[in-house]
Amino acid sequence: MKRICLLVLMMSMLTPTGFAQAKSEDGVKIADQWLLGRVEWLWLPALGDNVKARIDSGAKTSSMSATEIEEFERDGRRHVRFSFSHQHHQVRLEAPLSRYVRIRQANSKQLDRRPVVLLPVQLGGMIKEVEFTLKDRTRMLYPVLLGREFMGRDVLIDPSRRFIQPAREK
């Protein structure tokens, strides 16, 4: 047990964050996990741009800012059309509807029914298809919130830092 404690202590002295970090063009990793700060740049191909995303380990599902949400049918499948508005982004997006979920806010007893869409994203070297609930976040600081389902076992979070992963070039 003393040897393990000594090994951990020695490793923690390697870098200010505690453990050796591997940096590459793809991003920053610790062992085989991506290191994220509390806020990161998220590339949304649907926008063709990066947006600020809040990393939230307390949220199960990821959420994206959406207003003027309307459901429609195309080729026998349900789709959702919505407006994504935040700072300099003002665009109308469409995506297949995955399902609806009921979300309870921490400060409310009422359930909120939200549509869920599946969209491709990139954060550093991670490229994933992510389920987003659609909710008006225009009054919030970050248009996107990334929850635990996005993180899986691929991520470590350092809440003392921001923008650890590189933003994708346009």
C-alpha atoms as a PDB file:
ATOM      1  CA  MET A   1       0.000   0.000   0.000  1.00  0.00           C
ATOM      2  CA  LYS A   2       2.870   2.379   0.811  1.00  0.00           C
ATOM      3  CA  ARG A   3       4.412   1.710  -2.612  1.00  0.00           C
ATOM      4  CA  ILE A   4       1.137   2.582  -4.370  1.00  0.00           C
ATOM      5  CA  CYS A   5       0.799   5.829  -2.408  1.00  0.00           C
ATOM      6  CA  LEU A   6       4.409   6.724  -3.193  1.00  0.00           C
ATOM      7  CA  LEU A   7       3.856   5.978  -6.899  1.00  0.00           C
ATOM      8  CA  VAL A   8       0.716   8.176  -7.007  1.00  0.00           C
ATOM      9  CA  LEU A   9       2.557  10.975  -5.189  1.00  0.00           C
ATOM     10  CA  MET A  10       5.474  10.796  -7.635  1.00  0.00           C
ATOM     11  CA  MET A  11       3.126  10.814 -10.642  1.00  0.00           C
ATOM     12  CA  SER A  12       1.242  13.805  -9.277  1.00  0.00           C
ATOM     13  CA  MET A  13       4.461  15.795  -9.291  1.00  0.00           C
ATOM     14  CA  LEU A  14       4.952  15.310 -13.042  1.00  0.00           C
ATOM     15  CA  THR A  15       2.586  18.079 -14.168  1.00  0.00           C
ATOM     16  CA  PRO A  16       0.462  20.801 -12.570  1.00  0.00           C
ATOM     17  CA  THR A  17      -2.715  18.846 -13.358  1.00  0.00           C
ATOM     18  CA  GLY A  18      -1.479  15.727 -11.662  1.00  0.00           C
ATOM     19  CA  PHE A  19      -0.652  13.240 -14.396  1.00  0.00           C
ATOM     20  CA  ALA A  20       1.311  13.239 -17.623  1.00  0.00           C
ATOM     21  CA  GLN A  21      -0.763  14.513 -20.520  1.00  0.00           C
ATOM     22  CA  ALA A  22      -0.300  13.442 -24.111  1.00  0.00           C
ATOM     23  CA  LYS A  23      -0.747  16.333 -26.530  1.00  0.00           C
ATOM     24  CA  SER A  24      -1.227  15.796 -30.209  1.00  0.00           C
ATOM     25  CA  GLU A  25      -2.860  17.541 -33.144  1.00  0.00           C
ATOM     26  CA  ASP A  26      -6.035  15.693 -32.170  1.00  0.00           C
ATOM     27  CA  GLY A  27      -6.155  16.954 -28.591  1.00  0.00           C
ATOM     28  CA  VAL A  28      -5.127  16.266 -25.026  1.00  0.00           C
ATOM     29  CA  LYS A  29      -5.415  12.815 -23.446  1.00  0.00           C
ATOM     30  CA  ILE A  30      -4.525  11.166 -20.172  1.00  0.00           C
ATOM     31  CA  ALA A  31      -3.852   7.512 -20.904  1.00  0.00           C
ATOM     32  CA  ASP A  32      -6.758   6.645 -23.253  1.00  0.00           C
ATOM     33  CA  GLN A  33      -9.221   9.265 -21.988  1.00  0.00           C
ATOM     34  CA  TRP A  34      -9.833  12.773 -23.348  1.00  0.00           C
ATOM     35  CA  LEU A  35      -9.207  15.571 -20.872  1.00  0.00           C
ATOM     36  CA  LEU A  36     -11.918  18.248 -20.880  1.00  0.00           C
ATOM     37  CA  GLY A  37     -12.279  21.491 -18.986  1.00  0.00           C
ATOM     38  CA  ARG A  38     -15.593  22.830 -17.681  1.00  0.00           C
ATOM     39  CA  VAL A  39     -16.120  24.610 -21.042  1.00  0.00           C
ATOM     40  CA  GLU A  40     -14.884  23.431 -24.447  1.00  0.00           C
ATOM     41  CA  TRP A  41     -15.249  24.366 -28.124  1.00  0.00           C
ATOM     42  CA  LEU A  42     -17.647  21.970 -29.870  1.00  0.00           C
ATOM     43  CA  TRP A  43     -17.676  21.703 -33.665  1.00  0.00           C
ATOM     44  CA  LEU A  44     -21.181  21.349 -35.082  1.00  0.00           C
ATOM     45  CA  PRO A  45     -21.062  20.346 -38.769  1.00  0.00           C
ATOM     46  CA  ALA A  46     -24.695  21.502 -39.137  1.00  0.00           C
ATOM     47  CA  LEU A  47     -23.466  25.041 -38.328  1.00  0.00           C
ATOM     48  CA  GLY A  48     -20.041  24.733 -39.910  1.00  0.00           C
ATOM     49  CA  ASP A  49     -18.657  26.401 -36.798  1.00  0.00           C
ATOM     50  CA  ASN A  50     -17.530  25.948 -33.197  1.00  0.00           C
ATOM     51  CA  VAL A  51     -19.775  26.845 -30.256  1.00  0.00           C
ATOM     52  CA  LYS A  52     -19.017  26.984 -26.559  1.00  0.00           C
ATOM     53  CA  ALA A  53     -20.253  23.890 -24.732  1.00  0.00           C
ATOM     54  CA  ARG A  54     -20.608  23.505 -20.968  1.00  0.00           C
ATOM     55  CA  ILE A  55     -19.402  20.121 -19.699  1.00  0.00           C
ATOM     56  CA  ASP A  56     -21.928  18.981 -17.100  1.00  0.00           C
ATOM     57  CA  SER A  57     -21.402  15.647 -15.360  1.00  0.00           C
ATOM     58  CA  GLY A  58     -24.618  16.276 -13.392  1.00  0.00           C
ATOM     59  CA  ALA A  59     -26.743  16.115 -16.539  1.00  0.00           C
ATOM     60  CA  LYS A  60     -27.514  12.740 -18.069  1.00  0.00           C
ATOM     61  CA  THR A  61     -28.479  13.968 -21.536  1.00  0.00           C
ATOM     62  CA  SER A  62     -26.880  16.677 -23.665  1.00  0.00           C
ATOM     63  CA  SER A  63     -28.948  19.734 -24.566  1.00  0.00           C
ATOM     64  CA  MET A  64     -28.889  22.245 -27.407  1.00  0.00           C
ATOM     65  CA  SER A  65     -30.464  25.669 -27.680  1.00  0.00           C
ATOM     66  CA  ALA A  66     -33.542  25.584 -29.910  1.00  0.00           C
ATOM     67  CA  THR A  67     -36.530  27.843 -30.516  1.00  0.00           C
ATOM     68  CA  GLU A  68     -39.433  27.690 -32.974  1.00  0.00           C
ATOM     69  CA  ILE A  69     -39.421  23.881 -32.771  1.00  0.00           C
ATOM     70  CA  GLU A  70     -41.793  22.201 -35.205  1.00  0.00           C
ATOM     71  CA  GLU A  71     -42.254  18.551 -36.052  1.00  0.00           C
ATOM     72  CA  PHE A  72     -42.848  17.429 -39.642  1.00  0.00           C
ATOM     73  CA  GLU A  73     -42.748  14.253 -41.707  1.00  0.00           C
ATOM     74  CA  ARG A  74     -40.350  13.468 -44.560  1.00  0.00           C
ATOM     75  CA  ASP A  75     -40.174  10.138 -46.385  1.00  0.00           C
ATOM     76  CA  GLY A  76     -42.363   8.529 -43.716  1.00  0.00           C
ATOM     77  CA  ARG A  77     -40.060   9.595 -40.864  1.00  0.00           C
ATOM     78  CA  ARG A  78     -40.607  12.235 -38.212  1.00  0.00           C
ATOM     79  CA  HIS A  79     -38.216  15.207 -38.306  1.00  0.00           C
ATOM     80  CA  VAL A  80     -37.776  18.392 -36.309  1.00  0.00           C
ATOM     81  CA  ARG A  81     -37.087  21.863 -37.675  1.00  0.00           C
ATOM     82  CA  PHE A  82     -35.752  24.432 -35.198  1.00  0.00           C
ATOM     83  CA  SER A  83     -33.884  27.711 -34.901  1.00  0.00           C
ATOM     84  CA  PHE A  84     -30.452  27.767 -33.314  1.00  0.00           C
ATOM     85  CA  SER A  85     -29.768  31.318 -32.133  1.00  0.00           C
ATOM     86  CA  HIS A  86     -26.832  32.265 -29.979  1.00  0.00           C
ATOM     87  CA  GLN A  87     -24.517  35.273 -30.243  1.00  0.00           C
ATOM     88  CA  HIS A  88     -23.456  35.428 -33.920  1.00  0.00           C
ATOM     89  CA  HIS A  89     -25.216  32.185 -34.902  1.00  0.00           C
ATOM     90  CA  GLN A  90     -28.696  32.485 -36.386  1.00  0.00           C
ATOM     91  CA  VAL A  91     -29.638  29.417 -38.416  1.00  0.00           C
ATOM     92  CA  ARG A  92     -32.584  27.115 -39.089  1.00  0.00           C
ATOM     93  CA  LEU A  93     -31.694  23.418 -38.714  1.00  0.00           C
ATOM     94  CA  GLU A  94     -33.470  20.147 -39.459  1.00  0.00           C
ATOM     95  CA  ALA A  95     -32.808  16.691 -38.023  1.00  0.00           C
ATOM     96  CA  PRO A  96     -34.585  13.351 -37.715  1.00  0.00           C
ATOM     97  CA  LEU A  97     -36.580  13.073 -34.475  1.00  0.00           C
ATOM     98  CA  SER A  98     -35.193  10.269 -32.303  1.00  0.00           C
ATOM     99  CA  ARG A  99     -37.772  10.392 -29.515  1.00  0.00           C
ATOM    100  CA  TYR A 100     -39.251  12.588 -26.805  1.00  0.00           C
ATOM    101  CA  VAL A 101     -38.037  12.681 -23.209  1.00  0.00           C
ATOM    102  CA  ARG A 102     -39.411  14.110 -20.010  1.00  0.00           C
ATOM    103  CA  ILE A 103     -36.871  16.193 -18.091  1.00  0.00           C
ATOM    104  CA  ARG A 104     -37.270  17.500 -14.561  1.00  0.00           C
ATOM    105  CA  GLN A 105     -35.327  20.651 -13.830  1.00  0.00           C
ATOM    106  CA  ALA A 106     -33.506  20.748 -10.502  1.00  0.00           C
ATOM    107  CA  ASN A 107     -35.532  23.786  -9.415  1.00  0.00           C
ATOM    108  CA  SER A 108     -38.952  22.482 -10.503  1.00  0.00           C
ATOM    109  CA  LYS A 109     -41.331  19.626  -9.813  1.00  0.00           C
ATOM    110  CA  GLN A 110     -42.876  19.748 -13.284  1.00  0.00           C
ATOM    111  CA  LEU A 111     -41.734  17.521 -16.122  1.00  0.00           C
ATOM    112  CA  ASP A 112     -40.738  19.206 -19.372  1.00  0.00           C
ATOM    113  CA  ARG A 113     -41.362  17.211 -22.602  1.00  0.00           C
ATOM    114  CA  ARG A 114     -38.520  17.737 -25.079  1.00  0.00           C
ATOM    115  CA  PRO A 115     -37.721  16.410 -28.552  1.00  0.00           C
ATOM    116  CA  VAL A 116     -34.426  14.559 -28.998  1.00  0.00           C
ATOM    117  CA  VAL A 117     -32.309  14.702 -32.157  1.00  0.00           C
ATOM    118  CA  LEU A 118     -29.109  12.893 -33.104  1.00  0.00           C
ATOM    119  CA  LEU A 119     -26.358  15.140 -34.504  1.00  0.00           C
ATOM    120  CA  PRO A 120     -22.677  14.592 -35.356  1.00  0.00           C
ATOM    121  CA  VAL A 121     -20.157  16.651 -33.344  1.00  0.00           C
ATOM    122  CA  GLN A 122     -16.423  16.945 -32.862  1.00  0.00           C
ATOM    123  CA  LEU A 123     -14.587  17.940 -29.695  1.00  0.00           C
ATOM    124  CA  GLY A 124     -10.819  17.859 -30.009  1.00  0.00           C
ATOM    125  CA  GLY A 125     -10.108  14.445 -31.548  1.00  0.00           C
ATOM    126  CA  MET A 126     -13.450  12.964 -30.465  1.00  0.00           C
ATOM    127  CA  ILE A 127     -16.007  12.542 -33.226  1.00  0.00           C
ATOM    128  CA  LYS A 128     -19.389  11.302 -32.033  1.00  0.00           C
ATOM    129  CA  GLU A 129     -23.081  11.155 -32.850  1.00  0.00           C
ATOM    130  CA  VAL A 130     -24.786  12.805 -29.873  1.00  0.00           C
ATOM    131  CA  GLU A 131     -28.400  12.842 -28.732  1.00  0.00           C
ATOM    132  CA  PHE A 132     -29.481  16.391 -27.856  1.00  0.00           C
ATOM    133  CA  THR A 133     -32.670  17.437 -26.174  1.00  0.00           C
ATOM    134  CA  LEU A 134     -33.925  20.676 -27.695  1.00  0.00           C
ATOM    135  CA  LYS A 135     -34.593  23.501 -25.244  1.00  0.00           C
ATOM    136  CA  ASP A 136     -34.524  27.293 -25.408  1.00  0.00           C
ATOM    137  CA  ARG A 137     -31.088  28.190 -23.955  1.00  0.00           C
ATOM    138  CA  THR A 138     -30.850  31.646 -25.553  1.00  0.00           C
ATOM    139  CA  ARG A 139     -30.772  33.315 -22.137  1.00  0.00           C
ATOM    140  CA  MET A 140     -28.037  30.997 -20.926  1.00  0.00           C
ATOM    141  CA  LEU A 141     -24.321  31.558 -21.268  1.00  0.00           C
ATOM    142  CA  TYR A 142     -23.681  28.371 -23.266  1.00  0.00           C
ATOM    143  CA  PRO A 143     -25.857  27.201 -26.187  1.00  0.00           C
ATOM    144  CA  VAL A 144     -24.835  23.568 -25.693  1.00  0.00           C
ATOM    145  CA  LEU A 145     -24.579  21.430 -22.585  1.00  0.00           C
ATOM    146  CA  LEU A 146     -22.764  18.083 -22.822  1.00  0.00           C
ATOM    147  CA  GLY A 147     -23.972  15.456 -20.360  1.00  0.00           C
ATOM    148  CA  ARG A 148     -22.784  12.069 -19.112  1.00  0.00           C
ATOM    149  CA  GLU A 149     -24.119  10.123 -22.104  1.00  0.00           C
ATOM    150  CA  PHE A 150     -21.752  12.144 -24.332  1.00  0.00           C
ATOM    151  CA  MET A 151     -18.817  11.518 -22.003  1.00  0.00           C
ATOM    152  CA  GLY A 152     -19.226   7.814 -21.434  1.00  0.00           C
ATOM    153  CA  ARG A 153     -15.932   6.301 -20.308  1.00  0.00           C
ATOM    154  CA  ASP A 154     -13.968   8.395 -22.805  1.00  0.00           C
ATOM    155  CA  VAL A 155     -13.602  11.555 -20.720  1.00  0.00           C
ATOM    156  CA  LEU A 156     -11.904  12.993 -17.646  1.00  0.00           C
ATOM    157  CA  ILE A 157     -12.958  16.466 -16.483  1.00  0.00           C
ATOM    158  CA  ASP A 158     -10.738  19.100 -14.898  1.00  0.00           C
ATOM    159  CA  PRO A 159     -13.279  21.681 -13.653  1.00  0.00           C
ATOM    160  CA  SER A 160     -10.529  24.176 -12.841  1.00  0.00           C
ATOM    161  CA  ARG A 161      -9.700  24.604 -16.546  1.00  0.00           C
ATOM    162  CA  ARG A 162     -11.413  25.754 -19.761  1.00  0.00           C
ATOM    163  CA  PHE A 163     -10.750  25.047 -23.436  1.00  0.00           C
ATOM    164  CA  ILE A 164      -8.229  22.250 -22.995  1.00  0.00           C
ATOM    165  CA  GLN A 165      -9.059  20.681 -26.348  1.00  0.00           C
ATOM    166  CA  PRO A 166      -8.228  22.612 -29.528  1.00  0.00           C
ATOM    167  CA  ALA A 167     -11.059  24.195 -31.517  1.00  0.00           C
ATOM    168  CA  ARG A 168     -11.492  22.797 -34.994  1.00  0.00           C
ATOM    169  CA  GLU A 169     -10.372  25.099 -37.784  1.00  0.00           C
ATOM    170  CA  LYS A 170     -13.142  26.336 -40.089  1.00  0.00           C
END
